[in-house]
Amino acid sequence: MFGIGFSELLLVGLVALLVLGPDRLPGAARTAGLWIGRLRRSFNTIKQEVERELGADEIRRQLHNEHILSMEREAQKLMAPLTGQQPPAETTAAEPAPPATPAPTQTPTATAATPATPDTAPAATSQTPVPPETLRNP
């Protein structure tokens, strides 16, 4: 982990033996081992909590994306009669698709009082379908 080899450990042990003496060295080694174990457990606990939180964030992100997709589908279903397009096919078989209703069309009618001439005829409105890509928010 830190690149400490056997020779470095031997040097640290020899210095500890000279500084602490043979009487206190076993107790100091035991205490150092306990502290190292506690640190490892703390780091592992923190690591597991972070991984669990990242997993929870991923689940929240997926649920949010699914919610956005369902809202998009609903908007497309609502916009389909207005644009004259067929609603998109459902991916789930649990909910059947409602029957498609044709979009209401407006036909220009001439009244008896005013004859239809080229300069007085009502302007024809062209309804162009809105592509679904323009409905998505970036």
C-alpha atoms as a PDB file:
ATOM      1  CA  MET A   1       0.000   0.000   0.000  1.00  0.00           C
ATOM      2  CA  PHE A   2       2.691   2.510   0.991  1.00  0.00           C
ATOM      3  CA  GLY A   3       5.593   0.595  -0.513  1.00  0.00           C
ATOM      4  CA  ILE A   4       7.095  -0.362   2.837  1.00  0.00           C
ATOM      5  CA  GLY A   5       9.380  -3.321   2.386  1.00  0.00           C
ATOM      6  CA  PHE A   6      10.795  -5.830   4.823  1.00  0.00           C
ATOM      7  CA  SER A   7      13.987  -3.848   5.356  1.00  0.00           C
ATOM      8  CA  GLU A   8      12.049  -0.721   6.394  1.00  0.00           C
ATOM      9  CA  LEU A   9       9.912  -2.748   8.830  1.00  0.00           C
ATOM     10  CA  LEU A  10      13.030  -4.300  10.301  1.00  0.00           C
ATOM     11  CA  LEU A  11      14.579  -0.853  10.756  1.00  0.00           C
ATOM     12  CA  VAL A  12      11.417   0.502  12.466  1.00  0.00           C
ATOM     13  CA  GLY A  13      11.300  -2.549  14.743  1.00  0.00           C
ATOM     14  CA  LEU A  14      14.986  -2.158  15.687  1.00  0.00           C
ATOM     15  CA  VAL A  15      14.521   1.560  16.482  1.00  0.00           C
ATOM     16  CA  ALA A  16      11.384   0.764  18.536  1.00  0.00           C
ATOM     17  CA  LEU A  17      13.326  -1.920  20.458  1.00  0.00           C
ATOM     18  CA  LEU A  18      16.121   0.548  21.238  1.00  0.00           C
ATOM     19  CA  VAL A  19      13.746   3.385  22.238  1.00  0.00           C
ATOM     20  CA  LEU A  20      11.122   1.422  24.194  1.00  0.00           C
ATOM     21  CA  GLY A  21      13.205  -1.431  25.470  1.00  0.00           C
ATOM     22  CA  PRO A  22      12.324  -5.117  25.606  1.00  0.00           C
ATOM     23  CA  ASP A  23       9.840  -4.674  28.478  1.00  0.00           C
ATOM     24  CA  ARG A  24       7.471  -2.137  26.875  1.00  0.00           C
ATOM     25  CA  LEU A  25       7.842  -3.225  23.222  1.00  0.00           C
ATOM     26  CA  PRO A  26       5.168  -6.016  23.278  1.00  0.00           C
ATOM     27  CA  GLY A  27       2.570  -3.694  24.867  1.00  0.00           C
ATOM     28  CA  ALA A  28       3.375  -0.918  22.385  1.00  0.00           C
ATOM     29  CA  ALA A  29       3.101  -3.351  19.451  1.00  0.00           C
ATOM     30  CA  ARG A  30      -0.268  -4.585  20.760  1.00  0.00           C
ATOM     31  CA  THR A  31      -1.545  -1.006  21.165  1.00  0.00           C
ATOM     32  CA  ALA A  32      -0.311  -0.069  17.687  1.00  0.00           C
ATOM     33  CA  GLY A  33      -2.052  -3.150  16.239  1.00  0.00           C
ATOM     34  CA  LEU A  34      -5.335  -2.216  17.950  1.00  0.00           C
ATOM     35  CA  TRP A  35      -5.171   1.347  16.614  1.00  0.00           C
ATOM     36  CA  ILE A  36      -4.393   0.142  13.104  1.00  0.00           C
ATOM     37  CA  GLY A  37      -7.346  -2.279  13.278  1.00  0.00           C
ATOM     38  CA  ARG A  38      -9.665   0.514  14.424  1.00  0.00           C
ATOM     39  CA  LEU A  39      -8.494   2.763  11.591  1.00  0.00           C
ATOM     40  CA  ARG A  40      -9.046   0.006   9.026  1.00  0.00           C
ATOM     41  CA  ARG A  41     -12.552  -0.692  10.331  1.00  0.00           C
ATOM     42  CA  SER A  42     -13.383   3.028  10.287  1.00  0.00           C
ATOM     43  CA  PHE A  43     -12.153   3.415   6.720  1.00  0.00           C
ATOM     44  CA  ASN A  44     -14.057   0.300   5.608  1.00  0.00           C
ATOM     45  CA  THR A  45     -17.246   1.587   7.266  1.00  0.00           C
ATOM     46  CA  ILE A  46     -16.887   4.968   5.576  1.00  0.00           C
ATOM     47  CA  LYS A  47     -16.164   3.264   2.255  1.00  0.00           C
ATOM     48  CA  GLN A  48     -19.294   1.087   2.560  1.00  0.00           C
ATOM     49  CA  GLU A  49     -21.455   4.110   3.442  1.00  0.00           C
ATOM     50  CA  VAL A  50     -20.153   6.046   0.446  1.00  0.00           C
ATOM     51  CA  GLU A  51     -20.771   3.077  -1.874  1.00  0.00           C
ATOM     52  CA  ARG A  52     -24.267   2.620  -0.457  1.00  0.00           C
ATOM     53  CA  GLU A  53     -25.002   6.322  -0.911  1.00  0.00           C
ATOM     54  CA  LEU A  54     -23.715   6.239  -4.491  1.00  0.00           C
ATOM     55  CA  GLY A  55     -25.980   3.263  -5.164  1.00  0.00           C
ATOM     56  CA  ALA A  56     -28.932   5.141  -3.682  1.00  0.00           C
ATOM     57  CA  ASP A  57     -28.102   8.175  -5.836  1.00  0.00           C
ATOM     58  CA  GLU A  58     -28.019   5.952  -8.925  1.00  0.00           C
ATOM     59  CA  ILE A  59     -31.437   4.508  -8.031  1.00  0.00           C
ATOM     60  CA  ARG A  60     -32.832   8.017  -7.490  1.00  0.00           C
ATOM     61  CA  ARG A  61     -31.420   9.127 -10.842  1.00  0.00           C
ATOM     62  CA  GLN A  62     -32.992   6.123 -12.597  1.00  0.00           C
ATOM     63  CA  LEU A  63     -36.364   6.784 -10.973  1.00  0.00           C
ATOM     64  CA  HIS A  64     -36.149  10.445 -11.964  1.00  0.00           C
ATOM     65  CA  ASN A  65     -35.301   9.489 -15.558  1.00  0.00           C
ATOM     66  CA  GLU A  66     -38.214   7.037 -15.674  1.00  0.00           C
ATOM     67  CA  HIS A  67     -40.520   9.750 -14.348  1.00  0.00           C
ATOM     68  CA  ILE A  68     -39.335  12.167 -17.041  1.00  0.00           C
ATOM     69  CA  LEU A  69     -39.826   9.524 -19.731  1.00  0.00           C
ATOM     70  CA  SER A  70     -43.355   8.790 -18.534  1.00  0.00           C
ATOM     71  CA  MET A  71     -44.131  12.522 -18.576  1.00  0.00           C
ATOM     72  CA  GLU A  72     -42.757  12.717 -22.133  1.00  0.00           C
ATOM     73  CA  ARG A  73     -44.941   9.807 -23.225  1.00  0.00           C
ATOM     74  CA  GLU A  74     -47.968  11.437 -21.647  1.00  0.00           C
ATOM     75  CA  ALA A  75     -47.179  14.728 -23.389  1.00  0.00           C
ATOM     76  CA  GLN A  76     -46.808  12.913 -26.702  1.00  0.00           C
ATOM     77  CA  LYS A  77     -50.146  11.189 -26.161  1.00  0.00           C
ATOM     78  CA  LEU A  78     -51.774  14.540 -25.472  1.00  0.00           C
ATOM     79  CA  MET A  79     -50.069  16.230 -28.419  1.00  0.00           C
ATOM     80  CA  ALA A  80     -50.786  13.406 -30.899  1.00  0.00           C
ATOM     81  CA  PRO A  81     -54.408  14.426 -31.617  1.00  0.00           C
ATOM     82  CA  LEU A  82     -53.343  18.033 -32.069  1.00  0.00           C
ATOM     83  CA  THR A  83     -50.526  17.262 -34.486  1.00  0.00           C
ATOM     84  CA  GLY A  84     -52.285  14.483 -36.373  1.00  0.00           C
ATOM     85  CA  GLN A  85     -49.692  11.860 -35.435  1.00  0.00           C
ATOM     86  CA  GLN A  86     -50.359   8.465 -33.993  1.00  0.00           C
ATOM     87  CA  PRO A  87     -49.485   8.198 -30.292  1.00  0.00           C
ATOM     88  CA  PRO A  88     -46.280   6.244 -29.627  1.00  0.00           C
ATOM     89  CA  ALA A  89     -46.659   2.537 -28.965  1.00  0.00           C
ATOM     90  CA  GLU A  90     -46.532   1.528 -25.343  1.00  0.00           C
ATOM     91  CA  THR A  91     -43.690  -0.673 -24.201  1.00  0.00           C
ATOM     92  CA  THR A  92     -45.704  -2.286 -21.430  1.00  0.00           C
ATOM     93  CA  ALA A  93     -48.588  -4.616 -22.106  1.00  0.00           C
ATOM     94  CA  ALA A  94     -50.270  -3.893 -18.754  1.00  0.00           C
ATOM     95  CA  GLU A  95     -52.034  -0.767 -19.989  1.00  0.00           C
ATOM     96  CA  PRO A  96     -53.763  -0.946 -23.384  1.00  0.00           C
ATOM     97  CA  ALA A  97     -53.401   2.048 -25.672  1.00  0.00           C
ATOM     98  CA  PRO A  98     -56.529   4.180 -26.079  1.00  0.00           C
ATOM     99  CA  PRO A  99     -58.153   4.108 -29.524  1.00  0.00           C
ATOM    100  CA  ALA A 100     -56.812   6.754 -31.863  1.00  0.00           C
ATOM    101  CA  THR A 101     -59.229   9.551 -32.612  1.00  0.00           C
ATOM    102  CA  PRO A 102     -58.794  11.581 -35.787  1.00  0.00           C
ATOM    103  CA  ALA A 103     -57.815  15.193 -35.357  1.00  0.00           C
ATOM    104  CA  PRO A 104     -60.634  17.654 -36.004  1.00  0.00           C
ATOM    105  CA  THR A 105     -60.205  19.296 -39.371  1.00  0.00           C
ATOM    106  CA  GLN A 106     -61.441  22.710 -40.309  1.00  0.00           C
ATOM    107  CA  THR A 107     -62.887  23.057 -43.776  1.00  0.00           C
ATOM    108  CA  PRO A 108     -63.448  26.511 -45.167  1.00  0.00           C
ATOM    109  CA  THR A 109     -67.131  27.126 -45.821  1.00  0.00           C
ATOM    110  CA  ALA A 110     -68.525  29.839 -47.989  1.00  0.00           C
ATOM    111  CA  THR A 111     -71.576  31.667 -46.789  1.00  0.00           C
ATOM    112  CA  ALA A 112     -74.400  32.711 -49.067  1.00  0.00           C
ATOM    113  CA  ALA A 113     -73.935  36.401 -48.247  1.00  0.00           C
ATOM    114  CA  THR A 114     -70.290  36.527 -49.315  1.00  0.00           C
ATOM    115  CA  PRO A 115     -69.196  34.498 -52.298  1.00  0.00           C
ATOM    116  CA  ALA A 116     -65.777  32.870 -52.033  1.00  0.00           C
ATOM    117  CA  THR A 117     -63.313  34.669 -54.210  1.00  0.00           C
ATOM    118  CA  PRO A 118     -59.550  34.254 -54.250  1.00  0.00           C
ATOM    119  CA  ASP A 119     -58.969  37.515 -52.371  1.00  0.00           C
ATOM    120  CA  THR A 120     -61.751  36.895 -49.769  1.00  0.00           C
ATOM    121  CA  ALA A 121     -61.303  33.138 -49.274  1.00  0.00           C
ATOM    122  CA  PRO A 122     -60.179  32.134 -45.793  1.00  0.00           C
ATOM    123  CA  ALA A 123     -56.500  31.353 -45.559  1.00  0.00           C
ATOM    124  CA  ALA A 124     -55.738  27.653 -45.278  1.00  0.00           C
ATOM    125  CA  THR A 125     -53.771  26.848 -42.153  1.00  0.00           C
ATOM    126  CA  SER A 126     -51.164  24.192 -42.467  1.00  0.00           C
ATOM    127  CA  GLN A 127     -50.594  22.123 -39.381  1.00  0.00           C
ATOM    128  CA  THR A 128     -47.103  20.756 -39.394  1.00  0.00           C
ATOM    129  CA  PRO A 129     -46.392  17.949 -36.945  1.00  0.00           C
ATOM    130  CA  VAL A 130     -43.995  18.745 -34.118  1.00  0.00           C
ATOM    131  CA  PRO A 131     -41.142  16.220 -33.975  1.00  0.00           C
ATOM    132  CA  PRO A 132     -40.742  14.556 -30.547  1.00  0.00           C
ATOM    133  CA  GLU A 133     -37.106  15.708 -30.325  1.00  0.00           C
ATOM    134  CA  THR A 134     -38.265  19.300 -29.880  1.00  0.00           C
ATOM    135  CA  LEU A 135     -40.422  18.330 -26.902  1.00  0.00           C
ATOM    136  CA  ARG A 136     -37.490  17.043 -24.858  1.00  0.00           C
ATOM    137  CA  ASN A 137     -35.776  19.328 -22.392  1.00  0.00           C
ATOM    138  CA  PRO A 138     -31.956  19.259 -22.472  1.00  0.00           C
END
